[in-house]
Amino acid sequence: MQRDKLYGLIIFVGAAVILVWYTFYALIYAGFYHGIYGDAPAWIQVIATLGGLLSYWGWAVILPIWIAALLILVIAMWIGWTMLTTPPPVPLEELEELGLEEEEEKKEEE
């Protein structure tokens, strides 16, 4: 695997992992800040956060920050995906050879 593709894969996977972690953390933090969970398991905290705290004022702070982080991480994932799927550039030697051949063909036609 070429270096550019490897960097693209690292950026894409890293941004995706951070996005999932940050989303989960934002939901849990909202619940802990509100102080309603205690020692409940994490999945119960997420469900309770989604169901019971939509009117909680903390979302006015958490939601814009989460959306900003979401946008930044989606852009990073897009850049990583583009690096991963774009074919490698043509080496300069081949471009020079192609350019010289085209010039020779034009001179022969004239």
Protein backbone atom coordinates (compact mmCIF):
# COMPACT_ATOMS: atom_id res chain seq x y z
CA MET A 1 0.00 0.00 0.00
CA GLN A 2 1.33 3.39 -0.93
CA ARG A 3 2.11 5.96 1.69
CA ASP A 4 -0.70 8.34 0.59
CA LYS A 5 -3.29 5.57 0.81
CA LEU A 6 -2.02 4.53 4.23
CA TYR A 7 -2.26 8.12 5.49
CA GLY A 8 -5.77 8.36 4.04
CA LEU A 9 -6.81 5.16 5.80
CA ILE A 10 -5.38 6.38 9.11
CA ILE A 11 -7.16 9.75 8.79
CA PHE A 12 -10.47 8.15 7.81
CA VAL A 13 -10.52 5.48 10.51
CA GLY A 14 -9.15 7.84 13.17
CA ALA A 15 -11.81 10.48 12.46
CA ALA A 16 -14.57 7.83 12.47
CA VAL A 17 -13.42 6.43 15.83
CA ILE A 18 -13.15 9.89 17.36
CA LEU A 19 -16.61 10.79 16.02
CA VAL A 20 -18.21 7.72 17.63
CA TRP A 21 -16.33 8.25 20.89
CA TYR A 22 -17.15 11.96 21.01
CA THR A 23 -20.82 11.37 20.29
CA PHE A 24 -21.04 8.78 23.05
CA TYR A 25 -19.10 11.03 25.42
CA ALA A 26 -21.37 14.01 24.68
CA LEU A 27 -24.46 11.97 25.48
CA ILE A 28 -23.00 10.56 28.69
CA TYR A 29 -21.63 13.91 29.82
CA ALA A 30 -25.02 15.52 29.43
CA GLY A 31 -26.50 12.91 31.73
CA PHE A 32 -23.75 13.11 34.35
CA TYR A 33 -23.88 16.88 34.36
CA HIS A 34 -27.58 16.74 35.02
CA GLY A 35 -26.87 14.24 37.81
CA ILE A 36 -29.67 11.73 37.29
CA TYR A 37 -27.83 8.48 36.61
CA GLY A 38 -25.64 7.53 39.51
CA ASP A 39 -23.95 4.20 38.79
CA ALA A 40 -26.20 3.01 35.96
CA PRO A 41 -24.60 1.13 33.04
CA ALA A 42 -23.53 3.23 30.07
CA TRP A 43 -26.23 1.96 27.70
CA ILE A 44 -28.95 2.93 30.18
CA GLN A 45 -27.37 6.35 30.49
CA VAL A 46 -27.46 6.85 26.72
CA ILE A 47 -31.10 5.80 26.46
CA ALA A 48 -32.08 8.00 29.38
CA THR A 49 -30.16 10.92 27.94
CA LEU A 50 -31.89 10.62 24.58
CA GLY A 51 -35.31 10.11 26.10
CA GLY A 52 -35.41 12.33 29.14
CA LEU A 53 -33.07 15.24 28.66
CA LEU A 54 -34.17 16.74 25.38
CA SER A 55 -35.62 19.71 27.23
CA TYR A 56 -32.55 20.07 29.46
CA TRP A 57 -30.76 23.44 29.02
CA GLY A 58 -27.34 21.74 28.74
CA TRP A 59 -28.20 20.70 25.20
CA ALA A 60 -28.02 24.38 24.27
CA VAL A 61 -24.30 24.13 25.03
CA ILE A 62 -23.58 20.52 24.10
CA LEU A 63 -25.41 20.41 20.76
CA PRO A 64 -23.59 23.31 19.00
CA ILE A 65 -20.21 22.03 20.16
CA TRP A 66 -21.09 18.51 19.03
CA ILE A 67 -22.25 19.81 15.62
CA ALA A 68 -18.99 21.75 15.17
CA ALA A 69 -16.95 18.66 16.07
CA LEU A 70 -19.14 16.58 13.76
CA LEU A 71 -18.47 18.91 10.83
CA ILE A 72 -14.71 18.94 11.42
CA LEU A 73 -14.54 15.16 11.73
CA VAL A 74 -16.71 14.58 8.66
CA ILE A 75 -14.39 16.83 6.65
CA ALA A 76 -11.40 14.86 7.98
CA MET A 77 -13.13 11.59 7.01
CA TRP A 78 -13.81 13.00 3.54
CA ILE A 79 -10.16 13.99 3.10
CA GLY A 80 -9.04 10.55 4.28
CA TRP A 81 -11.48 8.80 1.92
CA THR A 82 -10.30 10.95 -0.98
CA MET A 83 -6.67 10.12 -0.23
CA LEU A 84 -7.56 6.44 0.05
CA THR A 85 -9.48 6.18 -3.22
CA THR A 86 -7.57 8.55 -5.51
CA PRO A 87 -5.15 6.78 -7.87
CA PRO A 88 -1.48 7.68 -7.54
CA PRO A 89 -0.13 10.47 -9.74
CA VAL A 90 1.71 9.63 -12.95
CA PRO A 91 5.49 9.91 -12.50
CA LEU A 92 7.11 12.96 -14.11
CA GLU A 93 9.31 10.80 -16.36
CA GLU A 94 6.24 9.28 -18.00
CA LEU A 95 4.65 12.71 -18.46
CA GLU A 96 7.80 14.02 -20.10
CA GLU A 97 7.95 10.99 -22.41
CA LEU A 98 4.30 11.45 -23.36
CA GLY A 99 4.88 15.14 -24.02
CA LEU A 100 7.89 14.48 -26.22
CA GLU A 101 6.05 11.79 -28.18
CA GLU A 102 3.11 14.10 -28.82
CA GLU A 103 5.43 16.87 -30.04
CA GLU A 104 7.21 14.44 -32.38
CA GLU A 105 3.86 13.25 -33.79
CA LYS A 106 2.79 16.86 -34.43
CA LYS A 107 6.06 17.63 -36.23
CA GLU A 108 5.70 14.51 -38.39
CA GLU A 109 2.13 15.45 -39.35
CA GLU A 110 3.23 18.90 -40.54
